[in-house]
Amino acid sequence: MIEQVTPGALPDWLRTATVDGVPPLLLDVREPPEWQAASVRPAGAELLLMPMHNIPARVADLDPDRPVAVLCHHGGRSMQVAMFLAQHGFERVANVAGGIDAWSRDVAPSVPRY
């Protein structure tokens, strides 16, 4: 089962997922125009922008031992990617439930909604 983390709970998840000083990865799987419309850089994570359609070809570029939180617009694409990563041996994967839209609504109203 994929762990569901709300944007408000993400800072705690990032803190507990940090291993030996290495921060977890926040994998944003939206498309470049979406990144330009709204983006976030939470403290305690390394942000990687990689559109969903690139994941299968680039999964070997990711470390399966590193915790990963996956983000998209509403949580659907990120859930699909999180399940894909889990099926490919990633041990700690979380879906950012509600995506960047929930982030705008619940955590940071300054992040534009689209």
C-alpha atoms as a PDB file:
ATOM      1  CA  MET A   1       0.000   0.000   0.000  1.00  0.00           C
ATOM      2  CA  ILE A   2       1.263   3.454  -0.887  1.00  0.00           C
ATOM      3  CA  GLU A   3       1.554   5.909   1.978  1.00  0.00           C
ATOM      4  CA  GLN A   4      -0.643   9.010   1.540  1.00  0.00           C
ATOM      5  CA  VAL A   5       0.824  12.253   2.882  1.00  0.00           C
ATOM      6  CA  THR A   6      -1.075  15.533   2.828  1.00  0.00           C
ATOM      7  CA  PRO A   7       0.879  18.672   1.968  1.00  0.00           C
ATOM      8  CA  GLY A   8       0.443  19.826   5.576  1.00  0.00           C
ATOM      9  CA  ALA A   9       1.958  16.595   6.903  1.00  0.00           C
ATOM     10  CA  LEU A  10       4.785  16.519   4.361  1.00  0.00           C
ATOM     11  CA  PRO A  11       7.326  18.393   6.544  1.00  0.00           C
ATOM     12  CA  ASP A  12       7.017  15.705   9.239  1.00  0.00           C
ATOM     13  CA  TRP A  13       7.266  12.944   6.637  1.00  0.00           C
ATOM     14  CA  LEU A  14      10.394  14.545   5.167  1.00  0.00           C
ATOM     15  CA  ARG A  15      11.954  14.808   8.625  1.00  0.00           C
ATOM     16  CA  THR A  16      11.339  11.163   9.465  1.00  0.00           C
ATOM     17  CA  ALA A  17      12.405  10.005   5.994  1.00  0.00           C
ATOM     18  CA  THR A  18      15.796  11.743   6.108  1.00  0.00           C
ATOM     19  CA  VAL A  19      18.506   9.091   6.418  1.00  0.00           C
ATOM     20  CA  ASP A  20      22.108   9.874   7.446  1.00  0.00           C
ATOM     21  CA  GLY A  21      21.601  13.525   6.582  1.00  0.00           C
ATOM     22  CA  VAL A  22      20.413  12.716   3.035  1.00  0.00           C
ATOM     23  CA  PRO A  23      17.044  14.342   2.404  1.00  0.00           C
ATOM     24  CA  PRO A  24      14.258  12.447   0.665  1.00  0.00           C
ATOM     25  CA  LEU A  25      13.390  13.177  -2.925  1.00  0.00           C
ATOM     26  CA  LEU A  26      10.293  15.182  -3.833  1.00  0.00           C
ATOM     27  CA  LEU A  27       9.563  13.923  -7.335  1.00  0.00           C
ATOM     28  CA  ASP A  28       7.313  16.345  -9.215  1.00  0.00           C
ATOM     29  CA  VAL A  29       5.822  14.418 -12.145  1.00  0.00           C
ATOM     30  CA  ARG A  30       3.863  17.286 -13.701  1.00  0.00           C
ATOM     31  CA  GLU A  31       4.614  18.744 -17.143  1.00  0.00           C
ATOM     32  CA  PRO A  32       6.906  21.789 -17.633  1.00  0.00           C
ATOM     33  CA  PRO A  33       4.021  24.260 -18.226  1.00  0.00           C
ATOM     34  CA  GLU A  34       2.541  23.122 -14.895  1.00  0.00           C
ATOM     35  CA  TRP A  35       5.877  23.698 -13.108  1.00  0.00           C
ATOM     36  CA  GLN A  36       5.922  27.194 -14.573  1.00  0.00           C
ATOM     37  CA  ALA A  37       2.353  27.858 -13.420  1.00  0.00           C
ATOM     38  CA  ALA A  38       2.969  26.750  -9.820  1.00  0.00           C
ATOM     39  CA  SER A  39       5.858  25.183  -7.982  1.00  0.00           C
ATOM     40  CA  VAL A  40       7.085  24.490  -4.477  1.00  0.00           C
ATOM     41  CA  ARG A  41      10.471  23.827  -2.863  1.00  0.00           C
ATOM     42  CA  PRO A  42       9.849  22.396   0.584  1.00  0.00           C
ATOM     43  CA  ALA A  43      12.664  22.492   3.107  1.00  0.00           C
ATOM     44  CA  GLY A  44      14.082  19.075   3.857  1.00  0.00           C
ATOM     45  CA  ALA A  45      13.705  17.601   0.368  1.00  0.00           C
ATOM     46  CA  GLU A  46      15.591  17.550  -2.872  1.00  0.00           C
ATOM     47  CA  LEU A  47      13.210  18.544  -5.659  1.00  0.00           C
ATOM     48  CA  LEU A  48      13.394  16.660  -8.957  1.00  0.00           C
ATOM     49  CA  LEU A  49      11.183  17.667 -11.858  1.00  0.00           C
ATOM     50  CA  MET A  50      10.505  14.658 -14.094  1.00  0.00           C
ATOM     51  CA  PRO A  51       7.301  14.393 -16.130  1.00  0.00           C
ATOM     52  CA  MET A  52       5.352  11.199 -15.596  1.00  0.00           C
ATOM     53  CA  HIS A  53       5.953   9.918 -19.121  1.00  0.00           C
ATOM     54  CA  ASN A  54       9.729  10.015 -18.529  1.00  0.00           C
ATOM     55  CA  ILE A  55       9.662   7.834 -15.406  1.00  0.00           C
ATOM     56  CA  PRO A  56       9.817   4.375 -17.060  1.00  0.00           C
ATOM     57  CA  ALA A  57      12.859   5.305 -19.149  1.00  0.00           C
ATOM     58  CA  ARG A  58      14.609   7.012 -16.238  1.00  0.00           C
ATOM     59  CA  VAL A  59      13.709   4.780 -13.291  1.00  0.00           C
ATOM     60  CA  ALA A  60      17.311   3.490 -13.243  1.00  0.00           C
ATOM     61  CA  ASP A  61      18.460   7.092 -12.586  1.00  0.00           C
ATOM     62  CA  LEU A  62      16.626   7.053  -9.235  1.00  0.00           C
ATOM     63  CA  ASP A  63      17.902   5.442  -6.038  1.00  0.00           C
ATOM     64  CA  PRO A  64      15.432   2.786  -4.816  1.00  0.00           C
ATOM     65  CA  ASP A  65      16.847   3.052  -1.290  1.00  0.00           C
ATOM     66  CA  ARG A  66      16.079   6.768  -1.037  1.00  0.00           C
ATOM     67  CA  PRO A  67      12.644   7.776   0.260  1.00  0.00           C
ATOM     68  CA  VAL A  68      10.528   9.459  -2.421  1.00  0.00           C
ATOM     69  CA  ALA A  69       7.409  11.608  -2.135  1.00  0.00           C
ATOM     70  CA  VAL A  70       5.640  12.008  -5.490  1.00  0.00           C
ATOM     71  CA  LEU A  71       3.737  15.182  -6.399  1.00  0.00           C
ATOM     72  CA  CYS A  72       1.415  16.122  -9.261  1.00  0.00           C
ATOM     73  CA  HIS A  73      -1.567  18.449  -9.717  1.00  0.00           C
ATOM     74  CA  HIS A  74      -4.288  16.585  -7.790  1.00  0.00           C
ATOM     75  CA  GLY A  75      -2.678  13.298  -6.752  1.00  0.00           C
ATOM     76  CA  GLY A  76      -3.727  10.919  -9.532  1.00  0.00           C
ATOM     77  CA  ARG A  77      -0.575  10.873 -11.652  1.00  0.00           C
ATOM     78  CA  SER A  78       1.610  10.897  -8.554  1.00  0.00           C
ATOM     79  CA  MET A  79      -0.236   7.860  -7.196  1.00  0.00           C
ATOM     80  CA  GLN A  80       0.363   5.980 -10.447  1.00  0.00           C
ATOM     81  CA  VAL A  81       4.072   6.863 -10.339  1.00  0.00           C
ATOM     82  CA  ALA A  82       4.302   5.928  -6.649  1.00  0.00           C
ATOM     83  CA  MET A  83       2.809   2.494  -7.420  1.00  0.00           C
ATOM     84  CA  PHE A  84       5.201   2.079 -10.370  1.00  0.00           C
ATOM     85  CA  LEU A  85       8.187   2.926  -8.162  1.00  0.00           C
ATOM     86  CA  ALA A  86       7.023   0.508  -5.458  1.00  0.00           C
ATOM     87  CA  GLN A  87       6.702  -2.234  -8.080  1.00  0.00           C
ATOM     88  CA  HIS A  88      10.288  -1.486  -9.119  1.00  0.00           C
ATOM     89  CA  GLY A  89      11.773  -1.997  -5.680  1.00  0.00           C
ATOM     90  CA  PHE A  90      11.505   1.441  -4.096  1.00  0.00           C
ATOM     91  CA  GLU A  91      11.075   0.767  -0.402  1.00  0.00           C
ATOM     92  CA  ARG A  92       9.669   4.036   0.932  1.00  0.00           C
ATOM     93  CA  VAL A  93       7.344   5.865  -1.425  1.00  0.00           C
ATOM     94  CA  ALA A  94       4.593   8.331  -0.558  1.00  0.00           C
ATOM     95  CA  ASN A  95       1.955  10.047  -2.639  1.00  0.00           C
ATOM     96  CA  VAL A  96       1.368  13.720  -1.873  1.00  0.00           C
ATOM     97  CA  ALA A  97      -2.409  13.457  -1.536  1.00  0.00           C
ATOM     98  CA  GLY A  98      -4.292  16.255  -3.276  1.00  0.00           C
ATOM     99  CA  GLY A  99      -1.152  17.398  -5.089  1.00  0.00           C
ATOM    100  CA  ILE A 100      -0.075  20.958  -5.558  1.00  0.00           C
ATOM    101  CA  ASP A 101      -3.712  22.040  -5.665  1.00  0.00           C
ATOM    102  CA  ALA A 102      -4.142  20.940  -2.038  1.00  0.00           C
ATOM    103  CA  TRP A 103      -0.812  22.584  -1.254  1.00  0.00           C
ATOM    104  CA  SER A 104      -2.177  25.902  -2.546  1.00  0.00           C
ATOM    105  CA  ARG A 105      -5.488  25.481  -0.781  1.00  0.00           C
ATOM    106  CA  ASP A 106      -4.285  24.151   2.582  1.00  0.00           C
ATOM    107  CA  VAL A 107      -0.649  25.198   3.116  1.00  0.00           C
ATOM    108  CA  ALA A 108       0.515  28.054   0.911  1.00  0.00           C
ATOM    109  CA  PRO A 109      -2.182  30.222  -0.676  1.00  0.00           C
ATOM    110  CA  SER A 110       0.598  32.137  -2.446  1.00  0.00           C
ATOM    111  CA  VAL A 111       1.154  29.101  -4.702  1.00  0.00           C
ATOM    112  CA  PRO A 112      -1.082  29.735  -7.735  1.00  0.00           C
ATOM    113  CA  ARG A 113      -3.941  27.357  -8.443  1.00  0.00           C
ATOM    114  CA  TYR A 114      -4.538  26.292 -12.006  1.00  0.00           C
END
